[in-house]
Amino acid sequence: MNKIAFLLLFLAFGAFTQLSAQRIAIVDITRVLEEMPDYKTAQTELDALAADWRQDIALEYDQIKAMYNKYQAEQVLLTEDARKKKEDEIMEREKVVREMQREKFGPEGQLFRKRQDLVQPIQERVYAAIQDYAEERGFDFIFDKGGTGGLIFSNAEYDKTDDIIRLLSN
């Protein structure tokens, strides 16, 4: 019985020693990005582009609404064929605007591609800086505290966000 208890104690001590030998750090990547002038410029450009596109789409929907209101006012005076033609015209216009919206804001839309063009190189620089930092300082794990990684608690001692910001600003 003592041998089993000793073996379990030895295994637990070995596992604890292995865990304590690993070095971890935490970085708030969102904060790092927000501190970078390149990222701020890219975000401003993306926001302006998205606002322009939203305005264009809103104008298109306003025109469709005006077409529908005109149709509603004239509906009683139109023949069945003319009503059907107007309804089809309105529905086709809505379809075109929804397609435009999807092309601009969809998962593979122009905004997504523009964001990749502008932001991805900046993110790659940040990740490369973090990797270099980890290798230079001997960290085994670096977690993103600003993302959706599920980090619930962190000791401020392990937060290396300011170090990464300094490294990128040099």
N, C-alpha and C. Protein backbone atom coordinates (compact mmCIF):
# COMPACT_ATOMS: atom_id res chain seq x y z
N MET A 1 0.82 -1.19 0.00
CA MET A 1 0.00 0.00 0.00
C MET A 1 0.87 1.26 0.00
N ASN A 2 1.95 1.22 0.81
CA ASN A 2 2.86 2.35 0.87
C ASN A 2 3.55 2.60 -0.47
N LYS A 3 3.83 1.50 -1.18
CA LYS A 3 4.48 1.65 -2.49
C LYS A 3 3.56 2.37 -3.48
N ILE A 4 2.28 2.06 -3.44
CA ILE A 4 1.32 2.70 -4.34
C ILE A 4 1.19 4.18 -3.99
N ALA A 5 1.08 4.47 -2.71
CA ALA A 5 0.98 5.87 -2.28
C ALA A 5 2.24 6.65 -2.66
N PHE A 6 3.39 6.03 -2.48
CA PHE A 6 4.65 6.67 -2.85
C PHE A 6 4.71 6.91 -4.36
N LEU A 7 4.28 5.93 -5.14
CA LEU A 7 4.28 6.05 -6.60
C LEU A 7 3.34 7.18 -7.04
N LEU A 8 2.16 7.25 -6.46
CA LEU A 8 1.21 8.32 -6.79
C LEU A 8 1.77 9.69 -6.41
N LEU A 9 2.39 9.77 -5.26
CA LEU A 9 3.00 11.02 -4.82
C LEU A 9 4.12 11.43 -5.76
N PHE A 10 4.93 10.46 -6.17
CA PHE A 10 6.04 10.73 -7.09
C PHE A 10 5.50 11.22 -8.45
N LEU A 11 4.45 10.57 -8.97
CA LEU A 11 3.86 10.98 -10.25
C LEU A 11 3.25 12.37 -10.16
N ALA A 12 2.57 12.66 -9.05
CA ALA A 12 1.98 13.98 -8.86
C ALA A 12 3.06 15.05 -8.78
N PHE A 13 4.13 14.77 -8.08
CA PHE A 13 5.24 15.71 -7.97
C PHE A 13 5.89 15.93 -9.33
N GLY A 14 6.04 14.86 -10.11
CA GLY A 14 6.61 14.96 -11.46
C GLY A 14 5.74 15.79 -12.37
N ALA A 15 4.44 15.61 -12.30
CA ALA A 15 3.52 16.39 -13.12
C ALA A 15 3.56 17.85 -12.71
N PHE A 16 3.60 18.12 -11.41
CA PHE A 16 3.66 19.51 -10.92
C PHE A 16 4.96 20.17 -11.38
N THR A 17 6.05 19.45 -11.32
CA THR A 17 7.34 19.99 -11.75
C THR A 17 7.30 20.32 -13.24
N GLN A 18 6.68 19.47 -14.04
CA GLN A 18 6.57 19.73 -15.47
C GLN A 18 5.73 20.98 -15.74
N LEU A 19 4.64 21.14 -15.02
CA LEU A 19 3.78 22.31 -15.21
C LEU A 19 4.48 23.59 -14.80
N SER A 20 5.20 23.54 -13.72
CA SER A 20 5.84 24.76 -13.24
C SER A 20 7.02 25.15 -14.12
N ALA A 21 7.54 24.24 -14.91
CA ALA A 21 8.68 24.54 -15.77
C ALA A 21 8.25 25.31 -17.01
N GLN A 22 6.98 25.28 -17.36
CA GLN A 22 6.51 25.98 -18.54
C GLN A 22 6.27 27.44 -18.22
N ARG A 23 6.67 28.29 -19.14
CA ARG A 23 6.48 29.73 -18.95
C ARG A 23 5.34 30.20 -19.82
N ILE A 24 4.48 31.01 -19.23
CA ILE A 24 3.34 31.54 -19.97
C ILE A 24 3.31 33.06 -19.88
N ALA A 25 2.65 33.66 -20.85
CA ALA A 25 2.45 35.11 -20.85
C ALA A 25 1.09 35.39 -21.47
N ILE A 26 0.62 36.58 -21.23
CA ILE A 26 -0.67 37.00 -21.75
C ILE A 26 -0.47 38.32 -22.48
N VAL A 27 -1.09 38.45 -23.66
CA VAL A 27 -1.01 39.67 -24.45
C VAL A 27 -2.42 40.02 -24.90
N ASP A 28 -2.77 41.27 -24.79
CA ASP A 28 -4.05 41.77 -25.29
C ASP A 28 -3.82 42.25 -26.73
N ILE A 29 -4.04 41.37 -27.69
CA ILE A 29 -3.76 41.68 -29.09
C ILE A 29 -4.63 42.84 -29.58
N THR A 30 -5.85 42.92 -29.11
CA THR A 30 -6.73 44.02 -29.51
C THR A 30 -6.11 45.35 -29.10
N ARG A 31 -5.60 45.43 -27.90
CA ARG A 31 -4.97 46.66 -27.43
C ARG A 31 -3.69 46.96 -28.21
N VAL A 32 -2.93 45.92 -28.51
CA VAL A 32 -1.71 46.11 -29.30
C VAL A 32 -2.07 46.72 -30.66
N LEU A 33 -3.07 46.14 -31.32
CA LEU A 33 -3.48 46.65 -32.62
C LEU A 33 -3.97 48.09 -32.53
N GLU A 34 -4.75 48.40 -31.50
CA GLU A 34 -5.29 49.75 -31.36
C GLU A 34 -4.21 50.79 -31.08
N GLU A 35 -3.06 50.36 -30.60
CA GLU A 35 -1.94 51.27 -30.35
C GLU A 35 -1.12 51.54 -31.61
N MET A 36 -1.35 50.76 -32.66
CA MET A 36 -0.55 50.89 -33.88
C MET A 36 -1.18 51.90 -34.84
N PRO A 37 -0.43 52.92 -35.26
CA PRO A 37 -0.97 53.91 -36.20
C PRO A 37 -1.42 53.29 -37.52
N ASP A 38 -0.70 52.29 -38.02
CA ASP A 38 -1.09 51.63 -39.27
C ASP A 38 -2.49 51.02 -39.15
N TYR A 39 -2.74 50.40 -38.01
CA TYR A 39 -4.03 49.75 -37.79
C TYR A 39 -5.14 50.80 -37.69
N LYS A 40 -4.87 51.89 -36.98
CA LYS A 40 -5.86 52.96 -36.86
C LYS A 40 -6.21 53.53 -38.23
N THR A 41 -5.20 53.74 -39.06
CA THR A 41 -5.42 54.26 -40.42
C THR A 41 -6.26 53.28 -41.23
N ALA A 42 -5.92 52.00 -41.15
CA ALA A 42 -6.68 50.98 -41.89
C ALA A 42 -8.13 50.93 -41.41
N GLN A 43 -8.33 50.98 -40.09
CA GLN A 43 -9.69 50.95 -39.55
C GLN A 43 -10.49 52.17 -40.00
N THR A 44 -9.86 53.35 -40.01
CA THR A 44 -10.53 54.57 -40.45
C THR A 44 -10.94 54.44 -41.90
N GLU A 45 -10.05 53.91 -42.72
CA GLU A 45 -10.36 53.73 -44.14
C GLU A 45 -11.50 52.73 -44.33
N LEU A 46 -11.46 51.63 -43.59
CA LEU A 46 -12.52 50.63 -43.70
C LEU A 46 -13.86 51.19 -43.22
N ASP A 47 -13.83 51.93 -42.12
CA ASP A 47 -15.07 52.52 -41.60
C ASP A 47 -15.68 53.51 -42.59
N ALA A 48 -14.84 54.33 -43.24
CA ALA A 48 -15.32 55.30 -44.22
C ALA A 48 -15.92 54.58 -45.43
N LEU A 49 -15.24 53.55 -45.88
CA LEU A 49 -15.72 52.79 -47.03
C LEU A 49 -17.06 52.12 -46.71
N ALA A 50 -17.14 51.51 -45.54
CA ALA A 50 -18.39 50.86 -45.13
C ALA A 50 -19.53 51.87 -44.99
N ALA A 51 -19.23 53.05 -44.45
CA ALA A 51 -20.26 54.08 -44.30
C ALA A 51 -20.77 54.54 -45.66
N ASP A 52 -19.86 54.72 -46.62
CA ASP A 52 -20.28 55.11 -47.97
C ASP A 52 -21.19 54.05 -48.58
N TRP A 53 -20.79 52.80 -48.45
CA TRP A 53 -21.60 51.71 -49.02
C TRP A 53 -22.95 51.61 -48.33
N ARG A 54 -22.97 51.78 -47.00
CA ARG A 54 -24.25 51.74 -46.27
C ARG A 54 -25.17 52.86 -46.75
N GLN A 55 -24.59 54.03 -46.97
CA GLN A 55 -25.38 55.17 -47.44
C GLN A 55 -25.94 54.89 -48.85
N ASP A 56 -25.12 54.34 -49.72
CA ASP A 56 -25.58 54.00 -51.07
C ASP A 56 -26.73 52.99 -51.02
N ILE A 57 -26.59 51.99 -50.18
CA ILE A 57 -27.63 50.97 -50.06
C ILE A 57 -28.90 51.57 -49.46
N ALA A 58 -28.74 52.45 -48.47
CA ALA A 58 -29.91 53.10 -47.86
C ALA A 58 -30.64 53.94 -48.91
N LEU A 59 -29.90 54.64 -49.77
CA LEU A 59 -30.54 55.42 -50.84
C LEU A 59 -31.31 54.51 -51.80
N GLU A 60 -30.73 53.38 -52.11
CA GLU A 60 -31.42 52.43 -52.99
C GLU A 60 -32.71 51.94 -52.34
N TYR A 61 -32.66 51.62 -51.05
CA TYR A 61 -33.88 51.18 -50.36
C TYR A 61 -34.91 52.31 -50.29
N ASP A 62 -34.46 53.54 -50.14
CA ASP A 62 -35.39 54.68 -50.16
C ASP A 62 -36.09 54.78 -51.51
N GLN A 63 -35.33 54.57 -52.59
CA GLN A 63 -35.93 54.60 -53.92
C GLN A 63 -36.94 53.47 -54.10
N ILE A 64 -36.63 52.30 -53.57
CA ILE A 64 -37.56 51.17 -53.64
C ILE A 64 -38.83 51.49 -52.85
N LYS A 65 -38.65 52.10 -51.69
CA LYS A 65 -39.81 52.48 -50.87
C LYS A 65 -40.68 53.49 -51.63
N ALA A 66 -40.04 54.45 -52.30
CA ALA A 66 -40.79 55.44 -53.09
C ALA A 66 -41.53 54.74 -54.23
N MET A 67 -40.89 53.77 -54.88
CA MET A 67 -41.55 53.01 -55.94
C MET A 67 -42.77 52.28 -55.38
N TYR A 68 -42.60 51.68 -54.20
CA TYR A 68 -43.71 50.93 -53.59
C TYR A 68 -44.85 51.87 -53.21
N ASN A 69 -44.52 53.03 -52.63
CA ASN A 69 -45.57 54.00 -52.26
C ASN A 69 -46.34 54.48 -53.50
N LYS A 70 -45.61 54.73 -54.57
CA LYS A 70 -46.25 55.16 -55.82
C LYS A 70 -47.15 54.04 -56.35
N TYR A 71 -46.66 52.82 -56.26
CA TYR A 71 -47.46 51.67 -56.68
C TYR A 71 -48.73 51.56 -55.85
N GLN A 72 -48.60 51.73 -54.53
CA GLN A 72 -49.77 51.65 -53.64
C GLN A 72 -50.82 52.70 -54.02
N ALA A 73 -50.36 53.90 -54.36
CA ALA A 73 -51.28 54.98 -54.71
C ALA A 73 -51.97 54.71 -56.04
N GLU A 74 -51.26 54.08 -56.97
CA GLU A 74 -51.79 53.85 -58.31
C GLU A 74 -52.45 52.49 -58.47
N GLN A 75 -52.31 51.65 -57.50
CA GLN A 75 -52.73 50.25 -57.61
C GLN A 75 -54.17 50.08 -58.08
N VAL A 76 -55.09 50.85 -57.56
CA VAL A 76 -56.50 50.69 -57.91
C VAL A 76 -56.78 51.09 -59.36
N LEU A 77 -55.92 51.92 -59.92
CA LEU A 77 -56.12 52.39 -61.29
C LEU A 77 -55.47 51.48 -62.33
N LEU A 78 -54.59 50.58 -61.89
CA LEU A 78 -53.84 49.74 -62.82
C LEU A 78 -54.59 48.46 -63.18
N THR A 79 -54.32 47.98 -64.37
CA THR A 79 -54.87 46.69 -64.77
C THR A 79 -54.09 45.59 -64.04
N GLU A 80 -54.61 44.40 -64.11
CA GLU A 80 -53.95 43.26 -63.45
C GLU A 80 -52.54 43.06 -64.00
N ASP A 81 -52.39 43.16 -65.30
CA ASP A 81 -51.06 43.00 -65.91
C ASP A 81 -50.11 44.12 -65.48
N ALA A 82 -50.59 45.34 -65.44
CA ALA A 82 -49.76 46.48 -65.04
C ALA A 82 -49.35 46.36 -63.57
N ARG A 83 -50.29 45.90 -62.73
CA ARG A 83 -49.96 45.69 -61.31
C ARG A 83 -48.87 44.62 -61.17
N LYS A 84 -49.04 43.54 -61.87
CA LYS A 84 -48.05 42.45 -61.82
C LYS A 84 -46.68 42.95 -62.30
N LYS A 85 -46.69 43.75 -63.36
CA LYS A 85 -45.44 44.28 -63.90
C LYS A 85 -44.76 45.19 -62.87
N LYS A 86 -45.52 46.05 -62.21
CA LYS A 86 -44.96 46.96 -61.19
C LYS A 86 -44.42 46.17 -59.99
N GLU A 87 -45.18 45.17 -59.55
CA GLU A 87 -44.73 44.34 -58.42
C GLU A 87 -43.43 43.62 -58.76
N ASP A 88 -43.37 43.06 -59.97
CA ASP A 88 -42.15 42.38 -60.41
C ASP A 88 -40.97 43.35 -60.48
N GLU A 89 -41.24 44.55 -60.94
CA GLU A 89 -40.20 45.58 -61.04
C GLU A 89 -39.65 45.93 -59.65
N ILE A 90 -40.55 46.09 -58.69
CA ILE A 90 -40.13 46.41 -57.31
C ILE A 90 -39.35 45.25 -56.71
N MET A 91 -39.86 44.03 -56.91
CA MET A 91 -39.17 42.86 -56.35
C MET A 91 -37.80 42.66 -57.01
N GLU A 92 -37.68 42.91 -58.29
CA GLU A 92 -36.40 42.80 -58.97
C GLU A 92 -35.41 43.83 -58.44
N ARG A 93 -35.90 45.03 -58.22
CA ARG A 93 -35.03 46.09 -57.68
C ARG A 93 -34.54 45.73 -56.28
N GLU A 94 -35.44 45.17 -55.44
CA GLU A 94 -35.04 44.73 -54.11
C GLU A 94 -33.99 43.62 -54.19
N LYS A 95 -34.17 42.71 -55.14
CA LYS A 95 -33.21 41.62 -55.33
C LYS A 95 -31.83 42.17 -55.70
N VAL A 96 -31.81 43.17 -56.59
CA VAL A 96 -30.55 43.78 -57.01
C VAL A 96 -29.85 44.45 -55.82
N VAL A 97 -30.63 45.15 -54.99
CA VAL A 97 -30.04 45.85 -53.83
C VAL A 97 -29.54 44.84 -52.80
N ARG A 98 -30.29 43.77 -52.57
CA ARG A 98 -29.82 42.73 -51.63
C ARG A 98 -28.53 42.09 -52.14
N GLU A 99 -28.43 41.90 -53.45
CA GLU A 99 -27.21 41.34 -54.03
C GLU A 99 -26.05 42.32 -53.86
N MET A 100 -26.33 43.61 -54.06
CA MET A 100 -25.29 44.62 -53.86
C MET A 100 -24.82 44.61 -52.40
N GLN A 101 -25.78 44.49 -51.48
CA GLN A 101 -25.44 44.44 -50.06
C GLN A 101 -24.57 43.22 -49.75
N ARG A 102 -24.92 42.09 -50.34
CA ARG A 102 -24.15 40.87 -50.12
C ARG A 102 -22.74 41.01 -50.71
N GLU A 103 -22.64 41.62 -51.89
CA GLU A 103 -21.33 41.81 -52.52
C GLU A 103 -20.43 42.74 -51.70
N LYS A 104 -21.03 43.70 -51.04
CA LYS A 104 -20.24 44.66 -50.26
C LYS A 104 -19.92 44.12 -48.86
N PHE A 105 -20.94 43.56 -48.19
CA PHE A 105 -20.79 43.21 -46.77
C PHE A 105 -20.84 41.73 -46.46
N GLY A 106 -21.00 40.88 -47.46
CA GLY A 106 -21.11 39.44 -47.23
C GLY A 106 -19.80 38.84 -46.74
N PRO A 107 -19.84 37.56 -46.39
CA PRO A 107 -18.67 36.87 -45.85
C PRO A 107 -17.45 36.92 -46.79
N GLU A 108 -17.66 36.95 -48.06
CA GLU A 108 -16.57 37.05 -49.03
C GLU A 108 -16.68 38.34 -49.82
N GLY A 109 -17.35 39.33 -49.23
CA GLY A 109 -17.61 40.59 -49.92
C GLY A 109 -16.41 41.51 -50.00
N GLN A 110 -16.64 42.65 -50.62
CA GLN A 110 -15.57 43.61 -50.84
C GLN A 110 -14.99 44.14 -49.53
N LEU A 111 -15.83 44.35 -48.52
CA LEU A 111 -15.33 44.85 -47.24
C LEU A 111 -14.41 43.81 -46.58
N PHE A 112 -14.81 42.57 -46.65
CA PHE A 112 -13.99 41.48 -46.09
C PHE A 112 -12.63 41.44 -46.79
N ARG A 113 -12.65 41.50 -48.12
CA ARG A 113 -11.39 41.44 -48.88
C ARG A 113 -10.52 42.67 -48.62
N LYS A 114 -11.16 43.83 -48.52
CA LYS A 114 -10.40 45.06 -48.24
C LYS A 114 -9.78 44.97 -46.84
N ARG A 115 -10.54 44.45 -45.88
CA ARG A 115 -10.03 44.28 -44.52
C ARG A 115 -8.82 43.34 -44.53
N GLN A 116 -8.91 42.27 -45.30
CA GLN A 116 -7.77 41.36 -45.41
C GLN A 116 -6.56 42.08 -45.99
N ASP A 117 -6.77 42.86 -47.04
CA ASP A 117 -5.66 43.57 -47.68
C ASP A 117 -4.99 44.55 -46.73
N LEU A 118 -5.80 45.26 -45.93
CA LEU A 118 -5.27 46.31 -45.06
C LEU A 118 -4.80 45.81 -43.71
N VAL A 119 -5.57 44.93 -43.09
CA VAL A 119 -5.32 44.54 -41.71
C VAL A 119 -4.46 43.29 -41.57
N GLN A 120 -4.59 42.35 -42.47
CA GLN A 120 -3.86 41.10 -42.33
C GLN A 120 -2.34 41.30 -42.25
N PRO A 121 -1.73 42.16 -43.09
CA PRO A 121 -0.28 42.36 -42.94
C PRO A 121 0.10 42.92 -41.56
N ILE A 122 -0.74 43.77 -41.01
CA ILE A 122 -0.49 44.33 -39.68
C ILE A 122 -0.59 43.23 -38.63
N GLN A 123 -1.62 42.39 -38.73
CA GLN A 123 -1.77 41.29 -37.79
C GLN A 123 -0.60 40.32 -37.89
N GLU A 124 -0.14 40.07 -39.10
CA GLU A 124 1.00 39.16 -39.27
C GLU A 124 2.26 39.74 -38.61
N ARG A 125 2.43 41.07 -38.69
CA ARG A 125 3.56 41.70 -38.01
C ARG A 125 3.46 41.52 -36.50
N VAL A 126 2.24 41.69 -35.97
CA VAL A 126 2.02 41.53 -34.53
C VAL A 126 2.32 40.09 -34.11
N TYR A 127 1.79 39.12 -34.85
CA TYR A 127 2.02 37.72 -34.49
C TYR A 127 3.50 37.35 -34.61
N ALA A 128 4.18 37.90 -35.61
CA ALA A 128 5.62 37.65 -35.74
C ALA A 128 6.38 38.25 -34.56
N ALA A 129 5.98 39.46 -34.14
CA ALA A 129 6.63 40.10 -32.99
C ALA A 129 6.39 39.28 -31.73
N ILE A 130 5.20 38.76 -31.56
CA ILE A 130 4.89 37.94 -30.39
C ILE A 130 5.70 36.66 -30.42
N GLN A 131 5.80 36.05 -31.59
CA GLN A 131 6.59 34.83 -31.70
C GLN A 131 8.06 35.10 -31.40
N ASP A 132 8.60 36.18 -31.93
CA ASP A 132 10.00 36.54 -31.64
C ASP A 132 10.19 36.80 -30.15
N TYR A 133 9.24 37.52 -29.56
CA TYR A 133 9.29 37.83 -28.13
C TYR A 133 9.30 36.53 -27.32
N ALA A 134 8.42 35.60 -27.67
CA ALA A 134 8.32 34.34 -26.94
C ALA A 134 9.61 33.53 -27.06
N GLU A 135 10.17 33.52 -28.25
CA GLU A 135 11.40 32.75 -28.46
C GLU A 135 12.58 33.38 -27.73
N GLU A 136 12.67 34.71 -27.76
CA GLU A 136 13.77 35.40 -27.08
C GLU A 136 13.71 35.23 -25.57
N ARG A 137 12.49 35.29 -25.03
CA ARG A 137 12.32 35.26 -23.58
C ARG A 137 12.01 33.87 -23.04
N GLY A 138 11.87 32.89 -23.91
CA GLY A 138 11.67 31.52 -23.46
C GLY A 138 10.25 31.20 -22.98
N PHE A 139 9.25 31.85 -23.54
CA PHE A 139 7.86 31.54 -23.16
C PHE A 139 7.38 30.33 -23.95
N ASP A 140 6.65 29.46 -23.25
CA ASP A 140 6.09 28.29 -23.90
C ASP A 140 4.72 28.57 -24.48
N PHE A 141 3.95 29.40 -23.80
CA PHE A 141 2.60 29.73 -24.24
C PHE A 141 2.37 31.22 -24.08
N ILE A 142 1.70 31.82 -25.06
CA ILE A 142 1.24 33.20 -24.93
C ILE A 142 -0.23 33.19 -25.33
N PHE A 143 -1.06 33.63 -24.41
CA PHE A 143 -2.50 33.66 -24.64
C PHE A 143 -2.95 35.07 -24.97
N ASP A 144 -3.99 35.17 -25.79
CA ASP A 144 -4.59 36.47 -26.13
C ASP A 144 -5.68 36.76 -25.12
N LYS A 145 -5.47 37.77 -24.31
CA LYS A 145 -6.45 38.10 -23.29
C LYS A 145 -7.59 38.93 -23.86
N GLY A 146 -7.38 39.58 -24.99
CA GLY A 146 -8.42 40.42 -25.59
C GLY A 146 -9.36 39.66 -26.51
N GLY A 147 -9.00 38.46 -26.92
CA GLY A 147 -9.80 37.70 -27.86
C GLY A 147 -10.83 36.84 -27.18
N THR A 148 -11.33 35.88 -27.94
CA THR A 148 -12.35 34.98 -27.42
C THR A 148 -11.75 33.65 -27.00
N GLY A 149 -10.54 33.68 -26.50
CA GLY A 149 -9.84 32.47 -26.12
C GLY A 149 -10.35 31.83 -24.85
N GLY A 150 -11.25 32.46 -24.15
CA GLY A 150 -11.82 31.88 -22.96
C GLY A 150 -11.02 32.13 -21.70
N LEU A 151 -10.13 33.10 -21.73
CA LEU A 151 -9.34 33.42 -20.56
C LEU A 151 -10.24 34.14 -19.54
N ILE A 152 -10.34 33.59 -18.37
CA ILE A 152 -11.23 34.15 -17.36
C ILE A 152 -10.46 34.98 -16.34
N PHE A 153 -9.28 34.58 -16.00
CA PHE A 153 -8.48 35.29 -15.00
C PHE A 153 -7.04 35.27 -15.45
N SER A 154 -6.37 36.39 -15.16
CA SER A 154 -4.93 36.41 -15.42
C SER A 154 -4.25 37.28 -14.39
N ASN A 155 -3.10 36.86 -14.02
CA ASN A 155 -2.27 37.65 -13.12
C ASN A 155 -1.59 38.73 -13.96
N ALA A 156 -1.64 39.96 -13.52
CA ALA A 156 -1.06 41.08 -14.26
C ALA A 156 0.43 40.87 -14.52
N GLU A 157 1.08 40.09 -13.69
CA GLU A 157 2.50 39.81 -13.84
C GLU A 157 2.80 39.15 -15.20
N TYR A 158 1.84 38.37 -15.71
CA TYR A 158 2.05 37.66 -16.96
C TYR A 158 1.65 38.46 -18.19
N ASP A 159 1.04 39.62 -18.01
CA ASP A 159 0.57 40.44 -19.13
C ASP A 159 1.76 41.14 -19.78
N LYS A 160 2.05 40.77 -20.98
CA LYS A 160 3.21 41.31 -21.71
C LYS A 160 2.78 42.22 -22.87
N THR A 161 1.56 42.74 -22.82
CA THR A 161 1.05 43.60 -23.89
C THR A 161 1.93 44.82 -24.10
N ASP A 162 2.33 45.49 -23.02
CA ASP A 162 3.17 46.69 -23.16
C ASP A 162 4.51 46.36 -23.80
N ASP A 163 5.06 45.20 -23.49
CA ASP A 163 6.33 44.80 -24.11
C ASP A 163 6.18 44.64 -25.62
N ILE A 164 5.07 44.06 -26.05
CA ILE A 164 4.84 43.86 -27.49
C ILE A 164 4.62 45.21 -28.17
N ILE A 165 3.89 46.11 -27.51
CA ILE A 165 3.67 47.45 -28.08
C ILE A 165 5.01 48.17 -28.25
N ARG A 166 5.87 48.09 -27.23
CA ARG A 166 7.19 48.71 -27.32
C ARG A 166 8.02 48.08 -28.44
N LEU A 167 7.95 46.78 -28.57
CA LEU A 167 8.70 46.08 -29.59
C LEU A 167 8.25 46.50 -30.99
N LEU A 168 6.97 46.67 -31.18
CA LEU A 168 6.44 47.05 -32.50
C LEU A 168 6.69 48.54 -32.81
N SER A 169 6.80 49.37 -31.80
CA SER A 169 7.00 50.80 -32.05
C SER A 169 8.45 51.15 -32.31
N ASN A 170 9.34 50.20 -32.14
CA ASN A 170 10.76 50.44 -32.43
C ASN A 170 11.06 50.26 -33.90
